[in-house]
């Protein structure tokens, strides 16, 4: 599903953030990506999602080269970044605009995930609190039924209750769908509670 061979990743060829990374990941697992701030977690997730071109080595995700950004690849992967901005529209308008790009999207599943996380309905997306923005983005991504879910610090900056709700939804969704999830955190306790 995900294969990395001698991956070099970062922003400067002479000084890569990640060097000689070799890794094989399978479906139906929640993987924890643990490291201190600045250690390369986001760099790795950006490279897996195809948002950052590798500096060297080989990367294969679902049989695709992520940087090529092919439509069939993008349909099967979801990436929730730590720094999250949502457009100035309602949740309904967002779903109407973006669900068309997700052939397996289920509005029923999205609503179920949002209710599990006590999402605050009726507020324009760009006016939501950080916690509700993360809840919405995670619910939409998981309701798209991707084969791979990448999450960069999904509980960062959240209160204990919201963080617990998000972890419950991630576990439930990945168990139901058999998707592989890679969840980054700088807190070992977060990874211990979430990773399979």
N, C-alpha and C. Protein backbone atom coordinates (compact mmCIF):
# COMPACT_ATOMS: atom_id res chain seq x y z
N UNK A 1 0.82 -1.19 0.00
CA UNK A 1 0.00 0.00 0.00
C UNK A 1 0.87 1.26 0.00
N UNK A 2 1.81 1.38 0.94
CA UNK A 2 2.77 2.48 0.96
C UNK A 2 4.16 1.88 1.06
N UNK A 3 5.01 2.24 0.10
CA UNK A 3 6.39 1.74 0.10
C UNK A 3 7.34 2.91 -0.09
N UNK A 4 8.29 3.02 0.81
CA UNK A 4 9.34 4.03 0.71
C UNK A 4 10.68 3.32 0.67
N UNK A 5 11.48 3.67 -0.34
CA UNK A 5 12.81 3.10 -0.48
C UNK A 5 13.84 4.22 -0.53
N UNK A 6 14.67 4.28 0.49
CA UNK A 6 15.73 5.29 0.58
C UNK A 6 15.21 6.71 0.32
N UNK A 7 14.04 7.00 0.87
CA UNK A 7 13.43 8.31 0.64
C UNK A 7 14.25 9.43 1.28
N UNK A 8 14.49 10.47 0.48
CA UNK A 8 15.08 11.73 0.96
C UNK A 8 13.97 12.76 0.76
N UNK A 9 13.66 13.50 1.80
CA UNK A 9 12.57 14.47 1.68
C UNK A 9 12.92 15.73 2.45
N UNK A 10 12.40 16.83 1.95
CA UNK A 10 12.64 18.12 2.59
C UNK A 10 12.55 19.23 1.56
N UNK A 11 13.28 20.29 1.80
CA UNK A 11 13.13 21.49 0.98
C UNK A 11 14.43 21.91 0.30
N UNK A 12 15.56 21.29 0.71
CA UNK A 12 16.84 21.59 0.07
C UNK A 12 17.60 20.29 -0.15
N UNK A 13 18.06 20.08 -1.37
CA UNK A 13 18.76 18.84 -1.72
C UNK A 13 19.98 18.63 -0.82
N UNK A 14 20.70 19.69 -0.52
CA UNK A 14 21.93 19.56 0.27
C UNK A 14 21.66 19.29 1.75
N UNK A 15 20.44 19.55 2.19
CA UNK A 15 20.13 19.36 3.60
C UNK A 15 18.71 18.81 3.79
N UNK A 16 18.46 17.54 3.38
CA UNK A 16 17.11 16.99 3.52
C UNK A 16 16.70 16.84 4.99
N UNK A 17 15.41 16.98 5.22
CA UNK A 17 14.87 16.80 6.57
C UNK A 17 14.87 15.31 6.92
N UNK A 18 14.50 14.48 5.95
CA UNK A 18 14.45 13.03 6.14
C UNK A 18 15.46 12.38 5.20
N UNK A 19 16.21 11.41 5.72
CA UNK A 19 17.25 10.75 4.93
C UNK A 19 17.11 9.24 5.01
N UNK A 20 17.19 8.59 3.87
CA UNK A 20 17.22 7.13 3.79
C UNK A 20 16.10 6.45 4.57
N UNK A 21 14.86 6.91 4.34
CA UNK A 21 13.70 6.31 5.01
C UNK A 21 13.22 5.12 4.20
N UNK A 22 13.14 3.96 4.86
CA UNK A 22 12.63 2.73 4.25
C UNK A 22 11.46 2.26 5.08
N UNK A 23 10.33 2.02 4.41
CA UNK A 23 9.11 1.74 5.15
C UNK A 23 8.10 1.06 4.25
N UNK A 24 7.36 0.09 4.81
CA UNK A 24 6.23 -0.52 4.12
C UNK A 24 5.06 -0.54 5.08
N UNK A 25 3.92 0.02 4.66
CA UNK A 25 2.72 0.07 5.50
C UNK A 25 1.58 -0.66 4.81
N UNK A 26 0.74 -1.31 5.61
CA UNK A 26 -0.37 -2.11 5.10
C UNK A 26 -1.71 -1.44 5.39
N UNK A 27 -2.76 -1.99 4.79
CA UNK A 27 -4.13 -1.51 5.04
C UNK A 27 -4.60 -1.97 6.42
N UNK A 28 -5.75 -1.43 6.82
CA UNK A 28 -6.45 -1.87 8.02
C UNK A 28 -5.64 -1.68 9.30
N UNK A 29 -4.91 -0.56 9.36
CA UNK A 29 -4.10 -0.24 10.53
C UNK A 29 -4.13 1.26 10.77
N UNK A 30 -3.98 1.63 12.02
CA UNK A 30 -3.75 3.04 12.36
C UNK A 30 -2.32 3.14 12.84
N UNK A 31 -1.51 3.85 12.06
CA UNK A 31 -0.09 4.00 12.37
C UNK A 31 0.14 5.33 13.08
N UNK A 32 0.99 5.30 14.08
CA UNK A 32 1.38 6.52 14.76
C UNK A 32 2.71 7.01 14.22
N UNK A 33 2.80 8.31 13.97
CA UNK A 33 4.03 8.93 13.52
C UNK A 33 4.45 9.89 14.62
N UNK A 34 5.36 9.44 15.45
CA UNK A 34 5.74 10.16 16.66
C UNK A 34 7.08 10.86 16.46
N UNK A 35 7.14 12.11 16.86
CA UNK A 35 8.40 12.84 16.78
C UNK A 35 8.23 14.23 17.36
N UNK A 36 9.34 14.81 17.74
CA UNK A 36 9.30 16.17 18.29
C UNK A 36 8.95 17.16 17.20
N UNK A 37 8.57 18.36 17.59
CA UNK A 37 8.29 19.41 16.61
C UNK A 37 9.56 19.67 15.80
N UNK A 38 9.39 19.75 14.48
CA UNK A 38 10.53 20.01 13.59
C UNK A 38 11.30 18.77 13.17
N UNK A 39 10.80 17.59 13.55
CA UNK A 39 11.54 16.35 13.24
C UNK A 39 11.24 15.78 11.86
N UNK A 40 10.26 16.33 11.14
CA UNK A 40 9.98 15.87 9.78
C UNK A 40 8.66 15.16 9.59
N UNK A 41 7.79 15.16 10.60
CA UNK A 41 6.49 14.47 10.48
C UNK A 41 5.66 15.08 9.34
N UNK A 42 5.53 16.40 9.35
CA UNK A 42 4.73 17.07 8.32
C UNK A 42 5.39 16.92 6.95
N UNK A 43 6.69 16.95 6.90
CA UNK A 43 7.42 16.75 5.63
C UNK A 43 7.08 15.38 5.05
N UNK A 44 7.07 14.35 5.89
CA UNK A 44 6.75 13.01 5.41
C UNK A 44 5.30 12.96 4.92
N UNK A 45 4.36 13.51 5.68
CA UNK A 45 2.95 13.48 5.26
C UNK A 45 2.75 14.26 3.97
N UNK A 46 3.38 15.41 3.83
CA UNK A 46 3.28 16.19 2.58
C UNK A 46 3.82 15.40 1.40
N UNK A 47 4.89 14.64 1.62
CA UNK A 47 5.48 13.84 0.54
C UNK A 47 4.56 12.68 0.17
N UNK A 48 3.98 12.02 1.18
CA UNK A 48 3.04 10.92 0.91
C UNK A 48 1.80 11.40 0.16
N UNK A 49 1.36 12.62 0.46
CA UNK A 49 0.16 13.17 -0.19
C UNK A 49 0.45 13.73 -1.58
N UNK A 50 1.71 13.85 -1.93
CA UNK A 50 2.06 14.41 -3.24
C UNK A 50 2.14 15.91 -3.26
N UNK A 51 2.13 16.54 -2.07
CA UNK A 51 2.23 18.00 -1.99
C UNK A 51 3.68 18.46 -2.00
N UNK A 52 4.60 17.53 -1.79
CA UNK A 52 6.02 17.84 -1.76
C UNK A 52 6.77 16.77 -2.54
N UNK A 53 7.58 17.20 -3.48
CA UNK A 53 8.34 16.25 -4.30
C UNK A 53 9.52 15.70 -3.52
N UNK A 54 9.71 14.38 -3.55
CA UNK A 54 10.86 13.81 -2.84
C UNK A 54 12.17 14.33 -3.43
N UNK A 55 13.19 14.42 -2.60
CA UNK A 55 14.51 14.85 -3.07
C UNK A 55 15.32 13.68 -3.60
N UNK A 56 14.91 12.47 -3.26
CA UNK A 56 15.61 11.28 -3.72
C UNK A 56 14.89 10.04 -3.23
N UNK A 57 15.32 8.90 -3.75
CA UNK A 57 14.70 7.64 -3.38
C UNK A 57 13.40 7.40 -4.13
N UNK A 58 12.67 6.42 -3.67
CA UNK A 58 11.43 6.04 -4.36
C UNK A 58 10.27 6.01 -3.38
N UNK A 59 9.11 6.47 -3.85
CA UNK A 59 7.90 6.45 -3.04
C UNK A 59 6.74 5.93 -3.90
N UNK A 60 5.99 5.00 -3.32
CA UNK A 60 4.82 4.44 -4.02
C UNK A 60 3.68 4.37 -3.01
N UNK A 61 2.55 4.95 -3.38
CA UNK A 61 1.36 4.95 -2.53
C UNK A 61 0.19 4.43 -3.36
N UNK A 62 -0.35 3.29 -2.97
CA UNK A 62 -1.47 2.65 -3.70
C UNK A 62 -1.09 2.38 -5.15
N UNK A 63 0.18 2.15 -5.40
CA UNK A 63 0.66 1.88 -6.75
C UNK A 63 0.92 3.12 -7.57
N UNK A 64 0.75 4.30 -6.99
CA UNK A 64 0.93 5.58 -7.69
C UNK A 64 2.17 6.30 -7.17
N UNK A 65 2.68 7.20 -8.00
CA UNK A 65 3.69 8.15 -7.58
C UNK A 65 2.94 9.39 -7.13
N UNK A 66 2.93 9.70 -5.84
CA UNK A 66 2.07 10.77 -5.32
C UNK A 66 2.22 12.11 -6.04
N UNK A 67 3.45 12.49 -6.39
CA UNK A 67 3.69 13.81 -6.98
C UNK A 67 2.98 13.97 -8.34
N UNK A 68 2.62 12.87 -8.97
CA UNK A 68 1.91 12.96 -10.26
C UNK A 68 0.47 13.44 -10.08
N UNK A 69 -0.07 13.30 -8.84
CA UNK A 69 -1.39 13.82 -8.48
C UNK A 69 -2.50 13.35 -9.42
N UNK A 70 -2.48 12.09 -9.79
CA UNK A 70 -3.51 11.54 -10.68
C UNK A 70 -4.85 11.49 -9.95
N UNK A 71 -5.94 11.69 -10.70
CA UNK A 71 -7.28 11.75 -10.10
C UNK A 71 -7.61 10.49 -9.31
N UNK A 72 -7.28 9.33 -9.82
CA UNK A 72 -7.59 8.07 -9.13
C UNK A 72 -6.82 7.96 -7.82
N UNK A 73 -5.63 8.52 -7.76
CA UNK A 73 -4.86 8.56 -6.52
C UNK A 73 -5.53 9.50 -5.53
N UNK A 74 -5.88 10.69 -5.98
CA UNK A 74 -6.45 11.71 -5.10
C UNK A 74 -7.80 11.28 -4.54
N UNK A 75 -8.57 10.48 -5.29
CA UNK A 75 -9.86 9.98 -4.80
C UNK A 75 -9.70 9.05 -3.61
N UNK A 76 -8.53 8.41 -3.50
CA UNK A 76 -8.33 7.36 -2.51
C UNK A 76 -7.53 7.79 -1.29
N UNK A 77 -7.18 9.06 -1.24
CA UNK A 77 -6.36 9.55 -0.13
C UNK A 77 -6.99 10.81 0.45
N UNK A 78 -6.92 10.93 1.76
CA UNK A 78 -7.40 12.13 2.44
C UNK A 78 -6.28 12.64 3.33
N UNK A 79 -6.09 13.95 3.33
CA UNK A 79 -5.02 14.56 4.12
C UNK A 79 -5.59 15.72 4.92
N UNK A 80 -5.55 15.59 6.25
CA UNK A 80 -6.01 16.65 7.14
C UNK A 80 -4.77 17.28 7.77
N UNK A 81 -4.51 18.52 7.39
CA UNK A 81 -3.33 19.21 7.88
C UNK A 81 -3.59 19.84 9.24
N UNK A 82 -2.51 20.10 9.96
CA UNK A 82 -2.61 20.71 11.28
C UNK A 82 -3.12 22.14 11.17
N UNK A 83 -2.54 22.92 10.27
CA UNK A 83 -2.98 24.30 10.04
C UNK A 83 -4.17 24.23 9.09
N UNK A 84 -5.35 24.55 9.57
CA UNK A 84 -6.57 24.26 8.82
C UNK A 84 -7.38 25.52 8.56
N UNK A 85 -7.55 25.86 7.31
CA UNK A 85 -8.42 26.97 6.91
C UNK A 85 -9.58 26.39 6.11
N UNK A 86 -10.77 26.84 6.40
CA UNK A 86 -11.95 26.41 5.64
C UNK A 86 -12.57 27.63 4.96
N UNK A 87 -13.23 27.43 3.82
CA UNK A 87 -13.79 28.56 3.07
C UNK A 87 -15.00 29.19 3.77
N UNK A 88 -15.33 30.39 3.35
CA UNK A 88 -16.47 31.12 3.94
C UNK A 88 -17.76 30.65 3.28
N UNK A 89 -18.21 29.48 3.73
CA UNK A 89 -19.46 28.89 3.24
C UNK A 89 -20.03 28.00 4.32
N UNK A 90 -21.27 27.60 4.13
CA UNK A 90 -21.89 26.69 5.10
C UNK A 90 -21.39 25.27 4.87
N UNK A 91 -21.63 24.41 5.84
CA UNK A 91 -21.26 23.00 5.70
C UNK A 91 -21.96 22.38 4.51
N UNK A 92 -23.23 22.73 4.32
CA UNK A 92 -24.00 22.18 3.19
C UNK A 92 -23.41 22.62 1.85
N UNK A 93 -23.02 23.89 1.75
CA UNK A 93 -22.40 24.39 0.51
C UNK A 93 -21.07 23.69 0.25
N UNK A 94 -20.30 23.45 1.31
CA UNK A 94 -19.01 22.76 1.16
C UNK A 94 -19.23 21.37 0.60
N UNK A 95 -20.15 20.63 1.20
CA UNK A 95 -20.43 19.27 0.74
C UNK A 95 -20.90 19.29 -0.71
N UNK A 96 -21.79 20.22 -1.05
CA UNK A 96 -22.30 20.32 -2.42
C UNK A 96 -21.16 20.59 -3.41
N UNK A 97 -20.19 21.40 -3.01
CA UNK A 97 -19.08 21.77 -3.89
C UNK A 97 -18.01 20.70 -4.01
N UNK A 98 -17.70 20.02 -2.90
CA UNK A 98 -16.51 19.15 -2.88
C UNK A 98 -16.81 17.66 -2.89
N UNK A 99 -17.99 17.23 -2.52
CA UNK A 99 -18.29 15.80 -2.49
C UNK A 99 -18.23 15.17 -3.88
N UNK A 100 -18.44 15.97 -4.92
CA UNK A 100 -18.39 15.45 -6.29
C UNK A 100 -17.01 14.87 -6.64
N UNK A 101 -15.97 15.33 -5.94
CA UNK A 101 -14.62 14.84 -6.19
C UNK A 101 -14.31 13.58 -5.39
N UNK A 102 -15.27 13.15 -4.60
CA UNK A 102 -15.11 11.98 -3.74
C UNK A 102 -16.21 10.97 -4.06
N UNK A 103 -15.97 10.05 -5.01
CA UNK A 103 -17.02 9.14 -5.48
C UNK A 103 -17.65 8.27 -4.40
N UNK A 104 -16.94 7.99 -3.31
CA UNK A 104 -17.48 7.12 -2.25
C UNK A 104 -18.03 7.92 -1.07
N UNK A 105 -18.19 9.21 -1.24
CA UNK A 105 -18.63 10.06 -0.14
C UNK A 105 -20.04 9.68 0.31
N UNK A 106 -20.25 9.68 1.64
CA UNK A 106 -21.56 9.36 2.23
C UNK A 106 -21.96 10.48 3.18
N UNK A 107 -23.02 11.20 2.85
CA UNK A 107 -23.51 12.27 3.73
C UNK A 107 -24.02 11.68 5.04
N UNK A 108 -24.57 10.46 4.99
CA UNK A 108 -25.05 9.82 6.21
C UNK A 108 -23.89 9.56 7.17
N UNK A 109 -22.78 9.05 6.64
CA UNK A 109 -21.62 8.80 7.49
C UNK A 109 -21.05 10.11 8.02
N UNK A 110 -21.01 11.13 7.19
CA UNK A 110 -20.49 12.41 7.66
C UNK A 110 -21.33 12.94 8.82
N UNK A 111 -22.62 12.93 8.66
CA UNK A 111 -23.49 13.41 9.73
C UNK A 111 -23.35 12.58 11.01
N UNK A 112 -23.17 11.28 10.84
CA UNK A 112 -22.97 10.40 12.01
C UNK A 112 -21.67 10.76 12.73
N UNK A 113 -20.59 10.97 11.97
CA UNK A 113 -19.30 11.34 12.58
C UNK A 113 -19.40 12.70 13.28
N UNK A 114 -20.08 13.64 12.64
CA UNK A 114 -20.22 14.97 13.25
C UNK A 114 -20.99 14.90 14.56
N UNK A 115 -22.04 14.08 14.59
CA UNK A 115 -22.82 13.93 15.83
C UNK A 115 -21.99 13.24 16.91
N UNK A 116 -21.17 12.26 16.53
CA UNK A 116 -20.31 11.58 17.50
C UNK A 116 -19.33 12.56 18.14
N UNK A 117 -18.97 13.61 17.40
CA UNK A 117 -17.99 14.58 17.90
C UNK A 117 -18.63 15.84 18.47
N UNK A 118 -19.96 15.85 18.59
CA UNK A 118 -20.68 17.03 19.11
C UNK A 118 -20.32 18.30 18.34
N UNK A 119 -20.35 18.19 17.03
CA UNK A 119 -20.06 19.32 16.14
C UNK A 119 -21.13 20.40 16.32
N UNK A 120 -20.72 21.66 16.25
CA UNK A 120 -21.65 22.78 16.35
C UNK A 120 -22.19 23.12 14.96
N UNK A 121 -23.43 22.77 14.70
CA UNK A 121 -24.05 23.02 13.39
C UNK A 121 -24.53 24.47 13.30
N UNK A 122 -24.71 24.95 12.07
CA UNK A 122 -25.35 26.25 11.83
C UNK A 122 -24.41 27.44 11.82
N UNK A 123 -23.10 27.21 11.87
CA UNK A 123 -22.14 28.31 11.83
C UNK A 123 -21.32 28.17 10.55
N UNK A 124 -21.10 29.28 9.86
CA UNK A 124 -20.28 29.27 8.64
C UNK A 124 -18.91 28.68 8.96
N UNK A 125 -18.36 27.90 8.04
CA UNK A 125 -17.14 27.14 8.31
C UNK A 125 -15.96 28.00 8.73
N UNK A 126 -15.78 29.16 8.11
CA UNK A 126 -14.64 30.00 8.46
C UNK A 126 -14.80 30.68 9.82
N UNK A 127 -15.99 30.60 10.41
CA UNK A 127 -16.25 31.20 11.72
C UNK A 127 -16.20 30.16 12.85
N UNK A 128 -15.96 28.91 12.51
CA UNK A 128 -15.93 27.86 13.51
C UNK A 128 -14.68 27.97 14.38
N UNK A 129 -14.77 27.44 15.58
CA UNK A 129 -13.60 27.33 16.46
C UNK A 129 -12.62 26.33 15.84
N UNK A 130 -11.38 26.32 16.35
CA UNK A 130 -10.38 25.37 15.86
C UNK A 130 -10.88 23.94 16.00
N UNK A 131 -11.45 23.61 17.15
CA UNK A 131 -11.94 22.26 17.36
C UNK A 131 -13.02 21.85 16.38
N UNK A 132 -13.96 22.74 16.12
CA UNK A 132 -15.03 22.42 15.17
C UNK A 132 -14.53 22.39 13.73
N UNK A 133 -13.54 23.21 13.39
CA UNK A 133 -12.94 23.12 12.04
C UNK A 133 -12.30 21.75 11.85
N UNK A 134 -11.57 21.29 12.86
CA UNK A 134 -10.93 19.97 12.76
C UNK A 134 -11.98 18.87 12.69
N UNK A 135 -13.02 18.96 13.50
CA UNK A 135 -14.08 17.96 13.47
C UNK A 135 -14.72 17.88 12.09
N UNK A 136 -15.00 19.05 11.51
CA UNK A 136 -15.64 19.06 10.19
C UNK A 136 -14.72 18.44 9.13
N UNK A 137 -13.46 18.86 9.12
CA UNK A 137 -12.51 18.35 8.12
C UNK A 137 -12.32 16.84 8.26
N UNK A 138 -12.23 16.36 9.48
CA UNK A 138 -12.05 14.92 9.70
C UNK A 138 -13.30 14.16 9.29
N UNK A 139 -14.47 14.66 9.64
CA UNK A 139 -15.72 13.98 9.27
C UNK A 139 -15.87 13.90 7.75
N UNK A 140 -15.58 15.01 7.06
CA UNK A 140 -15.69 15.00 5.60
C UNK A 140 -14.69 14.01 4.99
N UNK A 141 -13.45 14.05 5.47
CA UNK A 141 -12.43 13.16 4.93
C UNK A 141 -12.79 11.70 5.15
N UNK A 142 -13.20 11.34 6.35
CA UNK A 142 -13.51 9.94 6.64
C UNK A 142 -14.77 9.48 5.92
N UNK A 143 -15.74 10.38 5.75
CA UNK A 143 -16.98 10.03 5.03
C UNK A 143 -16.73 9.86 3.54
N UNK A 144 -15.57 10.25 3.07
CA UNK A 144 -15.19 10.05 1.67
C UNK A 144 -14.68 8.63 1.44
N UNK A 145 -14.51 7.87 2.51
CA UNK A 145 -14.06 6.48 2.48
C UNK A 145 -12.77 6.31 1.68
N UNK A 146 -11.73 7.06 2.05
CA UNK A 146 -10.44 6.89 1.38
C UNK A 146 -9.78 5.59 1.83
N UNK A 147 -8.83 5.13 1.06
CA UNK A 147 -8.06 3.95 1.46
C UNK A 147 -6.92 4.33 2.39
N UNK A 148 -6.48 5.58 2.28
CA UNK A 148 -5.42 6.08 3.16
C UNK A 148 -5.83 7.44 3.72
N UNK A 149 -5.68 7.59 5.04
CA UNK A 149 -5.97 8.86 5.70
C UNK A 149 -4.69 9.35 6.37
N UNK A 150 -4.28 10.56 6.03
CA UNK A 150 -3.10 11.19 6.63
C UNK A 150 -3.58 12.32 7.52
N UNK A 151 -3.16 12.31 8.79
CA UNK A 151 -3.61 13.34 9.72
C UNK A 151 -2.40 13.91 10.45
N UNK A 152 -2.22 15.20 10.31
CA UNK A 152 -1.10 15.88 10.95
C UNK A 152 -1.59 16.54 12.24
N UNK A 153 -1.20 15.96 13.38
CA UNK A 153 -1.54 16.50 14.69
C UNK A 153 -3.05 16.81 14.81
N UNK A 154 -3.93 15.81 14.58
CA UNK A 154 -5.37 16.11 14.56
C UNK A 154 -5.95 16.62 15.87
N UNK A 155 -5.30 16.31 17.00
CA UNK A 155 -5.84 16.75 18.29
C UNK A 155 -5.06 17.92 18.87
N UNK A 156 -4.10 18.45 18.13
CA UNK A 156 -3.27 19.55 18.61
C UNK A 156 -4.14 20.79 18.91
N UNK A 157 -4.01 21.34 20.09
CA UNK A 157 -4.73 22.55 20.45
C UNK A 157 -6.17 22.34 20.89
N UNK A 158 -6.58 21.08 21.05
CA UNK A 158 -7.98 20.80 21.42
C UNK A 158 -8.11 20.46 22.90
N UNK A 159 -9.31 20.67 23.44
CA UNK A 159 -9.56 20.27 24.81
C UNK A 159 -9.65 18.75 24.89
N UNK A 160 -9.59 18.21 26.09
CA UNK A 160 -9.54 16.76 26.30
C UNK A 160 -10.76 16.06 25.70
N UNK A 161 -11.95 16.63 25.88
CA UNK A 161 -13.17 16.00 25.38
C UNK A 161 -13.19 15.94 23.85
N UNK A 162 -12.84 17.05 23.20
CA UNK A 162 -12.83 17.08 21.73
C UNK A 162 -11.78 16.12 21.18
N UNK A 163 -10.61 16.07 21.81
CA UNK A 163 -9.55 15.16 21.37
C UNK A 163 -10.02 13.71 21.48
N UNK A 164 -10.69 13.37 22.57
CA UNK A 164 -11.19 12.00 22.76
C UNK A 164 -12.25 11.66 21.71
N UNK A 165 -13.14 12.61 21.40
CA UNK A 165 -14.18 12.38 20.39
C UNK A 165 -13.56 12.13 19.02
N UNK A 166 -12.57 12.93 18.68
CA UNK A 166 -11.90 12.78 17.37
C UNK A 166 -11.23 11.41 17.29
N UNK A 167 -10.55 10.99 18.34
CA UNK A 167 -9.88 9.68 18.33
C UNK A 167 -10.91 8.55 18.19
N UNK A 168 -12.05 8.68 18.86
CA UNK A 168 -13.10 7.65 18.75
C UNK A 168 -13.61 7.53 17.31
N UNK A 169 -13.79 8.68 16.64
CA UNK A 169 -14.28 8.66 15.27
C UNK A 169 -13.24 8.08 14.32
N UNK A 170 -11.99 8.44 14.51
CA UNK A 170 -10.92 7.89 13.66
C UNK A 170 -10.88 6.37 13.80
N UNK A 171 -10.90 5.87 15.04
CA UNK A 171 -10.86 4.42 15.26
C UNK A 171 -12.08 3.74 14.64
N UNK A 172 -13.27 4.29 14.87
CA UNK A 172 -14.50 3.67 14.35
C UNK A 172 -14.49 3.63 12.83
N UNK A 173 -14.13 4.74 12.21
CA UNK A 173 -14.15 4.81 10.75
C UNK A 173 -13.14 3.86 10.12
N UNK A 174 -11.92 3.86 10.63
CA UNK A 174 -10.88 3.01 10.05
C UNK A 174 -11.18 1.53 10.28
N UNK A 175 -11.79 1.20 11.41
CA UNK A 175 -12.18 -0.18 11.66
C UNK A 175 -13.26 -0.63 10.68
N UNK A 176 -14.25 0.24 10.43
CA UNK A 176 -15.34 -0.08 9.51
C UNK A 176 -14.84 -0.22 8.07
N UNK A 177 -13.97 0.68 7.65
CA UNK A 177 -13.58 0.76 6.24
C UNK A 177 -12.35 -0.07 5.89
N UNK A 178 -11.53 -0.40 6.88
CA UNK A 178 -10.28 -1.11 6.59
C UNK A 178 -9.20 -0.21 6.03
N UNK A 179 -9.40 1.10 6.16
CA UNK A 179 -8.41 2.05 5.64
C UNK A 179 -7.16 2.04 6.50
N UNK A 180 -6.08 2.51 5.92
CA UNK A 180 -4.86 2.76 6.68
C UNK A 180 -4.84 4.23 7.05
N UNK A 181 -4.51 4.51 8.30
CA UNK A 181 -4.39 5.90 8.75
C UNK A 181 -3.00 6.11 9.31
N UNK A 182 -2.42 7.26 8.99
CA UNK A 182 -1.15 7.67 9.59
C UNK A 182 -1.44 8.96 10.33
N UNK A 183 -1.26 8.90 11.65
CA UNK A 183 -1.58 10.03 12.51
C UNK A 183 -0.30 10.50 13.18
N UNK A 184 0.05 11.76 12.95
CA UNK A 184 1.26 12.29 13.56
C UNK A 184 0.94 12.99 14.87
N UNK A 185 1.91 12.97 15.78
CA UNK A 185 1.79 13.68 17.03
C UNK A 185 3.17 13.83 17.65
N UNK A 186 3.33 14.85 18.47
CA UNK A 186 4.56 14.98 19.25
C UNK A 186 4.35 14.45 20.66
N UNK A 187 3.16 13.87 20.94
CA UNK A 187 2.84 13.36 22.26
C UNK A 187 2.71 11.84 22.21
N UNK A 188 3.55 11.15 22.94
CA UNK A 188 3.51 9.68 22.96
C UNK A 188 2.17 9.17 23.47
N UNK A 189 1.56 9.87 24.42
CA UNK A 189 0.28 9.44 24.98
C UNK A 189 -0.82 9.43 23.92
N UNK A 190 -0.79 10.40 23.00
CA UNK A 190 -1.79 10.45 21.92
C UNK A 190 -1.65 9.24 21.01
N UNK A 191 -0.43 8.93 20.64
CA UNK A 191 -0.18 7.79 19.74
C UNK A 191 -0.55 6.48 20.43
N UNK A 192 -0.22 6.35 21.69
CA UNK A 192 -0.52 5.10 22.43
C UNK A 192 -2.01 4.83 22.46
N UNK A 193 -2.84 5.86 22.56
CA UNK A 193 -4.29 5.68 22.66
C UNK A 193 -4.95 5.43 21.31
N UNK A 194 -4.25 5.78 20.23
CA UNK A 194 -4.88 5.75 18.92
C UNK A 194 -4.33 4.66 18.00
N UNK A 195 -3.04 4.49 17.97
CA UNK A 195 -2.41 3.59 16.99
C UNK A 195 -2.75 2.13 17.27
N UNK A 196 -2.93 1.37 16.19
CA UNK A 196 -3.16 -0.07 16.33
C UNK A 196 -1.84 -0.82 16.33
